[in-house]
């Protein structure tokens, strides 16, 4: 199961805690409106929402003043990956979601490398030459037959 582990915080109530992500979590300063309460001035009353879903676990900024930070980059929406660091106010969480037996890990396909065109094989070239010879032999035979039948003027 995916979890958020507190790495650092100024809120003594959060020190060393882990939070499972098995449903939507609202994160912010207001205890009445949030599932995960961060009691510090840089956290907005309604700071962020963390939502597990088909595409993974998504964190969404709920219009906070100080932003949601993933790996030191401010984001409005982000699909979390195992090892991401999530910053809300002065608190930094580690997102932990290692692959388990029930999860399917899809490796990227290897890059497609263009195969060089192979030169025509000896058999293909031989067949082409034989076809050309037979074509001209057929034409020559036809002219000979027409000549013998008297349809072509002779060279006497």
N, C-alpha and C. Protein backbone atom coordinates (compact mmCIF):
# COMPACT_ATOMS: atom_id res chain seq x y z
N UNK A 1 0.84 -1.17 0.00
CA UNK A 1 0.00 0.00 0.00
C UNK A 1 0.89 1.24 0.00
N UNK A 2 0.48 2.24 -0.72
CA UNK A 2 1.21 3.51 -0.78
C UNK A 2 1.09 4.24 0.56
N UNK A 3 2.20 4.89 0.94
CA UNK A 3 2.19 5.65 2.19
C UNK A 3 2.98 6.94 2.01
N UNK A 4 2.69 7.89 2.91
CA UNK A 4 3.50 9.10 3.05
C UNK A 4 4.22 8.97 4.38
N UNK A 5 5.54 9.11 4.34
CA UNK A 5 6.35 9.07 5.55
C UNK A 5 6.93 10.45 5.78
N UNK A 6 6.78 10.98 6.97
CA UNK A 6 7.28 12.32 7.29
C UNK A 6 8.81 12.25 7.38
N UNK A 7 9.48 13.05 6.52
CA UNK A 7 10.94 13.14 6.57
C UNK A 7 11.39 14.26 7.49
N UNK A 8 10.73 15.42 7.36
CA UNK A 8 11.06 16.56 8.23
C UNK A 8 9.84 17.45 8.36
N UNK A 9 9.71 18.09 9.53
CA UNK A 9 8.56 18.94 9.80
C UNK A 9 8.85 19.84 11.01
N UNK A 10 8.12 20.94 11.07
CA UNK A 10 8.17 21.79 12.26
C UNK A 10 6.98 21.49 13.18
N UNK A 11 6.07 20.61 12.73
CA UNK A 11 4.90 20.23 13.52
C UNK A 11 5.27 19.01 14.37
N UNK A 12 5.37 19.17 15.68
CA UNK A 12 5.78 18.05 16.54
C UNK A 12 4.81 16.87 16.51
N UNK A 13 3.55 17.09 16.14
CA UNK A 13 2.57 16.01 16.07
C UNK A 13 2.81 15.07 14.89
N UNK A 14 3.62 15.50 13.91
CA UNK A 14 3.85 14.70 12.71
C UNK A 14 5.18 13.94 12.73
N UNK A 15 6.06 14.27 13.67
CA UNK A 15 7.40 13.67 13.71
C UNK A 15 7.33 12.14 13.64
N UNK A 16 8.03 11.56 12.63
CA UNK A 16 8.16 10.10 12.53
C UNK A 16 6.92 9.34 12.12
N UNK A 17 5.88 10.01 11.66
CA UNK A 17 4.62 9.32 11.33
C UNK A 17 4.59 8.88 9.87
N UNK A 18 3.73 7.88 9.64
CA UNK A 18 3.42 7.38 8.30
C UNK A 18 1.91 7.45 8.11
N UNK A 19 1.51 7.76 6.89
CA UNK A 19 0.09 7.87 6.59
C UNK A 19 -0.23 6.97 5.39
N UNK A 20 -1.07 5.94 5.58
CA UNK A 20 -1.44 5.09 4.44
C UNK A 20 -2.35 5.87 3.49
N UNK A 21 -2.19 5.58 2.21
CA UNK A 21 -3.04 6.23 1.20
C UNK A 21 -3.95 5.16 0.62
N UNK A 22 -5.07 4.92 1.30
CA UNK A 22 -6.03 3.92 0.85
C UNK A 22 -7.36 4.56 0.44
N UNK A 23 -7.41 5.89 0.51
CA UNK A 23 -8.59 6.67 0.13
C UNK A 23 -8.12 8.10 -0.11
N UNK A 24 -9.03 8.96 -0.54
CA UNK A 24 -8.68 10.38 -0.71
C UNK A 24 -8.25 10.97 0.62
N UNK A 25 -7.17 11.74 0.59
CA UNK A 25 -6.71 12.45 1.77
C UNK A 25 -6.68 13.94 1.48
N UNK A 26 -7.31 14.71 2.31
CA UNK A 26 -7.20 16.17 2.22
C UNK A 26 -6.12 16.57 3.22
N UNK A 27 -5.24 17.46 2.76
CA UNK A 27 -4.10 17.87 3.57
C UNK A 27 -4.14 19.38 3.76
N UNK A 28 -3.96 19.83 4.99
CA UNK A 28 -3.92 21.26 5.26
C UNK A 28 -3.92 21.55 6.75
N UNK A 29 -4.03 22.81 7.09
CA UNK A 29 -3.93 23.28 8.47
C UNK A 29 -5.24 23.14 9.26
N UNK A 30 -6.39 23.19 8.59
CA UNK A 30 -7.70 23.18 9.26
C UNK A 30 -8.09 21.76 9.67
N UNK A 31 -8.16 21.45 10.98
CA UNK A 31 -8.51 20.10 11.42
C UNK A 31 -9.93 19.68 11.02
N UNK A 32 -10.83 20.61 10.85
CA UNK A 32 -12.21 20.27 10.49
C UNK A 32 -12.35 19.89 9.02
N UNK A 33 -11.42 20.32 8.18
CA UNK A 33 -11.55 20.11 6.74
C UNK A 33 -10.56 19.10 6.18
N UNK A 34 -9.63 18.59 7.00
CA UNK A 34 -8.55 17.76 6.47
C UNK A 34 -8.40 16.44 7.21
N UNK A 35 -7.93 15.45 6.45
CA UNK A 35 -7.64 14.14 7.03
C UNK A 35 -6.22 14.12 7.61
N UNK A 36 -5.32 14.84 6.97
CA UNK A 36 -3.93 14.93 7.42
C UNK A 36 -3.68 16.40 7.76
N UNK A 37 -3.56 16.69 9.03
CA UNK A 37 -3.44 18.08 9.48
C UNK A 37 -1.98 18.43 9.69
N UNK A 38 -1.55 19.53 9.06
CA UNK A 38 -0.20 20.07 9.23
C UNK A 38 -0.36 21.40 9.96
N UNK A 39 0.04 21.42 11.22
CA UNK A 39 -0.15 22.60 12.06
C UNK A 39 1.08 23.51 11.96
N UNK A 40 1.13 24.28 10.88
CA UNK A 40 2.21 25.26 10.69
C UNK A 40 1.70 26.38 9.79
N UNK A 41 2.30 27.53 9.91
CA UNK A 41 1.79 28.72 9.24
C UNK A 41 1.91 28.68 7.72
N UNK A 42 2.86 27.96 7.17
CA UNK A 42 3.04 27.92 5.70
C UNK A 42 2.10 26.95 5.01
N UNK A 43 1.37 26.16 5.78
CA UNK A 43 0.36 25.26 5.21
C UNK A 43 -0.96 26.01 5.15
N UNK A 44 -1.63 25.94 4.02
CA UNK A 44 -2.94 26.58 3.88
C UNK A 44 -3.98 25.76 4.62
N UNK A 45 -5.12 26.40 4.89
CA UNK A 45 -6.20 25.68 5.57
C UNK A 45 -6.62 24.45 4.78
N UNK A 46 -6.75 24.61 3.49
CA UNK A 46 -7.03 23.49 2.57
C UNK A 46 -5.93 23.53 1.52
N UNK A 47 -4.89 22.75 1.73
CA UNK A 47 -3.67 22.87 0.94
C UNK A 47 -3.67 21.96 -0.30
N UNK A 48 -3.91 20.66 -0.08
CA UNK A 48 -3.78 19.71 -1.19
C UNK A 48 -4.71 18.53 -0.99
N UNK A 49 -4.88 17.79 -2.07
CA UNK A 49 -5.65 16.55 -2.02
C UNK A 49 -4.77 15.46 -2.62
N UNK A 50 -4.76 14.29 -1.97
CA UNK A 50 -4.02 13.14 -2.46
C UNK A 50 -5.04 12.05 -2.76
N UNK A 51 -5.06 11.59 -4.02
CA UNK A 51 -6.11 10.70 -4.49
C UNK A 51 -5.52 9.45 -5.14
N UNK A 52 -5.80 8.27 -4.59
CA UNK A 52 -5.40 7.04 -5.31
C UNK A 52 -6.42 6.75 -6.41
N UNK A 53 -5.94 6.31 -7.56
CA UNK A 53 -6.85 6.02 -8.66
C UNK A 53 -6.19 5.13 -9.70
N UNK A 54 -6.84 5.03 -10.84
CA UNK A 54 -6.38 4.14 -11.90
C UNK A 54 -5.00 4.52 -12.44
N UNK A 55 -4.71 5.81 -12.50
CA UNK A 55 -3.41 6.23 -13.03
C UNK A 55 -2.32 6.24 -11.97
N UNK A 56 -2.67 5.97 -10.73
CA UNK A 56 -1.72 5.98 -9.62
C UNK A 56 -2.22 6.94 -8.55
N UNK A 57 -1.30 7.32 -7.67
CA UNK A 57 -1.64 8.26 -6.60
C UNK A 57 -1.33 9.67 -7.10
N UNK A 58 -2.33 10.54 -7.08
CA UNK A 58 -2.20 11.88 -7.62
C UNK A 58 -2.30 12.90 -6.50
N UNK A 59 -1.38 13.87 -6.48
CA UNK A 59 -1.47 14.98 -5.55
C UNK A 59 -1.90 16.21 -6.36
N UNK A 60 -2.86 16.96 -5.81
CA UNK A 60 -3.40 18.14 -6.49
C UNK A 60 -3.37 19.31 -5.52
N UNK A 61 -2.81 20.44 -5.96
CA UNK A 61 -2.81 21.67 -5.15
C UNK A 61 -4.25 22.19 -5.12
N UNK A 62 -4.76 22.49 -3.96
CA UNK A 62 -6.13 22.97 -3.80
C UNK A 62 -6.18 24.50 -3.71
N UNK A 63 -5.25 25.18 -4.37
CA UNK A 63 -5.24 26.64 -4.37
C UNK A 63 -4.45 27.22 -3.21
N UNK A 64 -3.44 26.52 -2.77
CA UNK A 64 -2.65 26.98 -1.63
C UNK A 64 -1.80 28.20 -2.01
N UNK A 65 -1.43 28.98 -1.00
CA UNK A 65 -0.57 30.15 -1.23
C UNK A 65 0.88 29.75 -1.47
N UNK A 66 1.37 28.76 -0.72
CA UNK A 66 2.78 28.40 -0.78
C UNK A 66 3.08 27.21 -1.69
N UNK A 67 2.05 26.60 -2.26
CA UNK A 67 2.25 25.57 -3.28
C UNK A 67 2.51 24.18 -2.75
N UNK A 68 2.45 23.25 -3.69
CA UNK A 68 2.78 21.85 -3.47
C UNK A 68 4.06 21.61 -4.25
N UNK A 69 5.02 20.98 -3.60
CA UNK A 69 6.35 20.79 -4.20
C UNK A 69 6.66 19.30 -4.31
N UNK A 70 7.07 18.89 -5.49
CA UNK A 70 7.52 17.51 -5.72
C UNK A 70 8.97 17.59 -6.15
N UNK A 71 9.83 16.96 -5.34
CA UNK A 71 11.27 16.95 -5.64
C UNK A 71 11.79 18.36 -5.95
N UNK A 72 11.35 19.32 -5.17
CA UNK A 72 11.77 20.72 -5.22
C UNK A 72 11.27 21.47 -6.46
N UNK A 73 10.20 20.96 -7.08
CA UNK A 73 9.57 21.64 -8.21
C UNK A 73 8.10 21.85 -7.86
N UNK A 74 7.64 23.09 -8.01
CA UNK A 74 6.24 23.39 -7.69
C UNK A 74 5.34 22.79 -8.76
N UNK A 75 4.26 22.14 -8.31
CA UNK A 75 3.31 21.49 -9.23
C UNK A 75 1.89 21.85 -8.84
N UNK A 76 1.00 21.78 -9.80
CA UNK A 76 -0.43 21.92 -9.53
C UNK A 76 -1.08 20.53 -9.41
N UNK A 77 -0.54 19.59 -10.19
CA UNK A 77 -1.04 18.21 -10.18
C UNK A 77 0.12 17.32 -10.57
N UNK A 78 0.24 16.19 -9.88
CA UNK A 78 1.37 15.30 -10.17
C UNK A 78 1.01 13.87 -9.80
N UNK A 79 1.36 12.91 -10.67
CA UNK A 79 1.22 11.49 -10.35
C UNK A 79 2.48 11.09 -9.60
N UNK A 80 2.31 10.69 -8.35
CA UNK A 80 3.46 10.37 -7.50
C UNK A 80 4.10 9.05 -7.90
N UNK A 81 5.42 9.00 -7.79
CA UNK A 81 6.19 7.79 -8.03
C UNK A 81 6.97 7.46 -6.76
N UNK A 82 7.23 6.18 -6.58
CA UNK A 82 7.96 5.73 -5.41
C UNK A 82 9.25 6.54 -5.26
N UNK A 83 9.46 7.10 -4.07
CA UNK A 83 10.66 7.88 -3.80
C UNK A 83 10.50 9.37 -3.97
N UNK A 84 9.37 9.83 -4.54
CA UNK A 84 9.15 11.28 -4.67
C UNK A 84 9.11 11.92 -3.29
N UNK A 85 9.63 13.15 -3.22
CA UNK A 85 9.52 13.93 -1.99
C UNK A 85 8.46 14.99 -2.20
N UNK A 86 7.48 15.00 -1.31
CA UNK A 86 6.34 15.90 -1.39
C UNK A 86 6.49 16.95 -0.30
N UNK A 87 6.54 18.23 -0.71
CA UNK A 87 6.66 19.32 0.25
C UNK A 87 5.37 20.11 0.35
N UNK A 88 4.86 20.23 1.58
CA UNK A 88 3.67 21.04 1.88
C UNK A 88 4.04 21.88 3.10
N UNK A 89 4.07 23.20 2.90
CA UNK A 89 4.53 24.09 3.97
C UNK A 89 5.99 23.77 4.28
N UNK A 90 6.28 23.59 5.57
CA UNK A 90 7.64 23.24 6.00
C UNK A 90 7.82 21.73 6.13
N UNK A 91 6.79 20.97 5.84
CA UNK A 91 6.83 19.51 6.01
C UNK A 91 7.19 18.84 4.70
N UNK A 92 8.10 17.88 4.79
CA UNK A 92 8.50 17.10 3.62
C UNK A 92 8.18 15.63 3.90
N UNK A 93 7.43 15.02 2.97
CA UNK A 93 7.06 13.62 3.05
C UNK A 93 7.83 12.85 1.99
N UNK A 94 8.08 11.58 2.25
CA UNK A 94 8.56 10.65 1.23
C UNK A 94 7.36 9.82 0.80
N UNK A 95 7.13 9.77 -0.51
CA UNK A 95 6.07 8.91 -1.04
C UNK A 95 6.68 7.53 -1.24
N UNK A 96 6.06 6.53 -0.62
CA UNK A 96 6.58 5.17 -0.71
C UNK A 96 5.51 4.26 -1.30
N UNK A 97 5.83 3.67 -2.42
CA UNK A 97 4.90 2.76 -3.09
C UNK A 97 5.72 1.73 -3.88
N UNK A 98 6.47 0.88 -3.16
CA UNK A 98 7.29 -0.10 -3.87
C UNK A 98 6.40 -1.13 -4.56
N UNK A 99 6.87 -1.70 -5.67
CA UNK A 99 6.07 -2.73 -6.34
C UNK A 99 5.88 -3.93 -5.41
N UNK A 100 4.72 -4.51 -5.47
CA UNK A 100 4.44 -5.70 -4.67
C UNK A 100 4.02 -6.82 -5.60
N UNK A 101 3.72 -7.95 -5.02
CA UNK A 101 3.36 -9.11 -5.83
C UNK A 101 2.12 -8.89 -6.67
N UNK A 102 1.18 -8.09 -6.19
CA UNK A 102 -0.08 -7.91 -6.91
C UNK A 102 0.00 -6.80 -7.94
N UNK A 103 1.05 -6.01 -7.93
CA UNK A 103 1.16 -4.93 -8.90
C UNK A 103 1.89 -5.43 -10.14
N UNK A 104 1.47 -4.98 -11.28
CA UNK A 104 2.14 -5.30 -12.52
C UNK A 104 3.12 -4.19 -12.84
N UNK A 105 4.36 -4.57 -13.04
CA UNK A 105 5.38 -3.59 -13.40
C UNK A 105 5.60 -3.74 -14.89
N UNK A 106 5.40 -2.66 -15.63
CA UNK A 106 5.55 -2.69 -17.07
C UNK A 106 6.85 -2.01 -17.42
N UNK A 107 7.75 -2.77 -18.00
CA UNK A 107 9.03 -2.21 -18.42
C UNK A 107 8.83 -1.55 -19.78
N UNK A 108 9.53 -0.44 -20.03
CA UNK A 108 9.39 0.19 -21.34
C UNK A 108 9.94 -0.73 -22.43
N UNK A 109 9.32 -0.66 -23.58
CA UNK A 109 9.77 -1.46 -24.71
C UNK A 109 11.14 -0.96 -25.17
N UNK A 110 11.98 -1.87 -25.62
CA UNK A 110 13.28 -1.41 -26.12
C UNK A 110 13.08 -0.54 -27.35
N UNK A 111 13.97 0.41 -27.58
CA UNK A 111 13.80 1.27 -28.74
C UNK A 111 13.89 0.47 -30.04
N UNK A 112 13.08 0.87 -30.98
CA UNK A 112 13.09 0.20 -32.28
C UNK A 112 14.27 0.70 -33.10
N UNK A 113 15.09 -0.23 -33.53
CA UNK A 113 16.26 0.12 -34.34
C UNK A 113 15.95 -0.27 -35.77
N UNK A 114 16.14 0.68 -36.67
CA UNK A 114 15.88 0.39 -38.09
C UNK A 114 16.89 -0.64 -38.58
N UNK A 115 16.37 -1.69 -39.17
CA UNK A 115 17.23 -2.74 -39.70
C UNK A 115 17.73 -2.30 -41.07
N UNK A 116 19.04 -2.43 -41.31
CA UNK A 116 19.54 -2.06 -42.65
C UNK A 116 18.96 -3.01 -43.69
N UNK A 117 18.70 -2.47 -44.86
CA UNK A 117 18.16 -3.30 -45.94
C UNK A 117 19.23 -4.27 -46.40
N UNK A 118 18.82 -5.50 -46.51
CA UNK A 118 19.75 -6.53 -46.95
C UNK A 118 19.85 -6.49 -48.47
N UNK A 119 21.05 -6.66 -49.00
CA UNK A 119 21.16 -6.71 -50.46
C UNK A 119 20.45 -7.96 -50.98
N UNK A 120 20.03 -7.90 -52.23
CA UNK A 120 19.34 -9.03 -52.83
C UNK A 120 20.26 -10.23 -52.81
N UNK A 121 19.70 -11.38 -52.51
CA UNK A 121 20.52 -12.59 -52.43
C UNK A 121 20.87 -13.06 -53.84
N UNK A 122 21.83 -13.94 -53.91
CA UNK A 122 22.26 -14.49 -55.20
C UNK A 122 21.13 -15.18 -55.92
N UNK A 123 20.25 -15.83 -55.16
CA UNK A 123 19.12 -16.53 -55.77
C UNK A 123 18.18 -15.54 -56.45
N UNK A 124 17.91 -14.41 -55.81
CA UNK A 124 17.01 -13.43 -56.39
C UNK A 124 17.60 -12.85 -57.67
N UNK A 125 18.87 -12.57 -57.65
CA UNK A 125 19.51 -12.01 -58.84
C UNK A 125 19.54 -13.05 -59.96
N UNK A 126 19.85 -14.31 -59.61
CA UNK A 126 19.87 -15.38 -60.61
C UNK A 126 18.50 -15.58 -61.23
N UNK A 127 17.46 -15.54 -60.41
CA UNK A 127 16.09 -15.71 -60.92
C UNK A 127 15.72 -14.57 -61.86
N UNK A 128 16.15 -13.35 -61.54
CA UNK A 128 15.87 -12.21 -62.40
C UNK A 128 16.57 -12.37 -63.76
N UNK A 129 17.81 -12.78 -63.74
CA UNK A 129 18.56 -12.97 -65.00
C UNK A 129 17.92 -14.07 -65.83
N UNK A 130 17.56 -15.19 -65.19
CA UNK A 130 16.92 -16.29 -65.90
C UNK A 130 15.60 -15.84 -66.52
N UNK A 131 14.82 -15.03 -65.80
CA UNK A 131 13.55 -14.53 -66.35
C UNK A 131 13.78 -13.67 -67.58
N UNK A 132 14.79 -12.82 -67.54
CA UNK A 132 15.09 -11.96 -68.70
C UNK A 132 15.52 -12.80 -69.89
N UNK A 133 16.37 -13.80 -69.66
CA UNK A 133 16.83 -14.68 -70.75
C UNK A 133 15.65 -15.42 -71.37
N UNK A 134 14.77 -15.95 -70.51
CA UNK A 134 13.60 -16.68 -71.03
C UNK A 134 12.67 -15.75 -71.81
N UNK A 135 12.53 -14.50 -71.34
CA UNK A 135 11.69 -13.54 -72.04
C UNK A 135 12.22 -13.30 -73.46
N UNK A 136 13.53 -13.05 -73.58
CA UNK A 136 14.11 -12.80 -74.92
C UNK A 136 14.11 -14.07 -75.77
N UNK A 137 14.28 -15.24 -75.16
CA UNK A 137 14.23 -16.49 -75.92
C UNK A 137 12.82 -16.71 -76.49
N UNK A 138 11.82 -16.35 -75.70
CA UNK A 138 10.43 -16.49 -76.18
C UNK A 138 10.18 -15.57 -77.36
N UNK A 139 10.66 -14.33 -77.29
CA UNK A 139 10.49 -13.38 -78.39
C UNK A 139 11.23 -13.88 -79.63
N UNK A 140 12.47 -14.36 -79.44
CA UNK A 140 13.25 -14.86 -80.58
C UNK A 140 12.56 -16.07 -81.21
N UNK A 141 12.03 -16.95 -80.37
CA UNK A 141 11.33 -18.13 -80.90
C UNK A 141 10.09 -17.74 -81.68
N UNK A 142 9.39 -16.70 -81.20
CA UNK A 142 8.19 -16.24 -81.90
C UNK A 142 8.55 -15.69 -83.27
N UNK A 143 9.62 -14.88 -83.33
CA UNK A 143 10.05 -14.34 -84.63
C UNK A 143 10.47 -15.47 -85.58
N UNK A 144 11.16 -16.47 -85.06
CA UNK A 144 11.59 -17.59 -85.91
C UNK A 144 10.38 -18.33 -86.47
N UNK A 145 9.35 -18.54 -85.60
CA UNK A 145 8.16 -19.25 -86.06
C UNK A 145 7.43 -18.43 -87.13
N UNK A 146 7.34 -17.12 -86.94
CA UNK A 146 6.69 -16.26 -87.94
C UNK A 146 7.47 -16.26 -89.26
N UNK A 147 8.78 -16.28 -89.18
CA UNK A 147 9.63 -16.29 -90.38
C UNK A 147 9.42 -17.58 -91.15
N UNK A 148 9.42 -18.75 -90.43
CA UNK A 148 9.26 -20.04 -91.09
C UNK A 148 7.88 -20.19 -91.69
N UNK A 149 6.88 -19.51 -91.11
CA UNK A 149 5.52 -19.60 -91.65
C UNK A 149 5.32 -18.66 -92.81
N UNK A 150 6.31 -17.81 -93.09
CA UNK A 150 6.22 -16.92 -94.22
C UNK A 150 5.59 -15.58 -93.92
N UNK A 151 5.41 -15.26 -92.71
CA UNK A 151 4.81 -13.97 -92.36
C UNK A 151 5.84 -12.86 -92.28
N UNK A 152 7.09 -13.19 -92.23
CA UNK A 152 8.13 -12.17 -92.16
C UNK A 152 8.99 -12.31 -93.43
N UNK A 153 9.38 -11.16 -93.98
CA UNK A 153 10.22 -11.24 -95.18
C UNK A 153 11.58 -11.85 -94.80
N UNK A 154 12.08 -12.67 -95.65
CA UNK A 154 13.31 -13.39 -95.36
C UNK A 154 14.54 -12.63 -95.80
N UNK A 155 15.64 -13.08 -95.30
CA UNK A 155 16.93 -12.49 -95.68
C UNK A 155 17.64 -13.52 -96.54
N UNK A 156 17.44 -13.51 -97.89
CA UNK A 156 17.98 -14.52 -98.78
C UNK A 156 19.12 -14.01 -99.58
